[in-house]
């Protein structure tokens, strides 16, 4: 069981290190659709492994063993996880749980605020133009959101650039990009190993919308110019506020990718993910099987002693 727990931790670490690289060599849509679910799966497996290791120690406490019921003495004698590793696992889980819950609550509140502010500005899927000098454009993260753009942003771009900007935002709307971002935010809060992956996914989401816009207007240079001018307009405005919009992500890298598309390597990335997920599946199965056997044996001893 200890080896399986360590294997899960190693897989989680390897994924955290490899995912940002995989996000760069995969097409942006593939990167988002593959790496976000994998991040959630890796985080779930890591939590399961740490919780299982921690509970071999927690379960030895007489008050907990009485609820089981199982024999704390038998559990203490048979457990393959030492007190220190089990306590360390519990110490890792506690702050991660608090931060994950805090992040989830914060995101939920943000969604409610967005709905209250923008939910009545137009029908779902509508284009809403705000009378504001602040250059901004974004898509509301609702079940059926809206594209919101300010007068300041429209004035900063010419006609074709506006079309590219709106095509970018429509991509966010159609593919529910805000929800992919929320999912990786929560996963990264629960698993700090995914901090770099979170940044890579947010960049991939913007790249996904850029590629959709390039196909919609059939002009990659136009989309690159639109991205750059929108970013400059926001930078030059004193009251600019960052949002998940067409000016989000690493603008220089986005413009470079539009003008000089990078070489993509789907098969190596898929192979890496397949190996990691297979190792996680085997390791978590071993943890579950050995954990059940450990507590079943302690439970039988407790029953025989009654």
Foldseek 3Di string as FASTA:
>chain_A
DVVLLVLLVVLLLVCLVCLLVQLQQAQLVCSLVPVLVLLVVSLVLNLLSLVLLLVLQVCLPCVNCVVLVFHSVLSVVPPPHDPVSSVVSVVLQVQLVVQLVVLVVVVVVVLVVLCVVCVPQDDFAEEHEAADLQFDWAWRLDPRIYTYGYPNVPVLDDDLLVLLQVQLRVLCRVVSLVVSLSSLSSSCSNPVSNPSVSLSSLQSSLLSSLVRSCVVSVHLLSNLVSLVSSLVSNVPDPPRDDDSGNVDHDSVVSSCCSVPPDNHDPVVSVVSSVVSVVSSVVSSVVSVVVSVVSRVVRHVVVVVVD
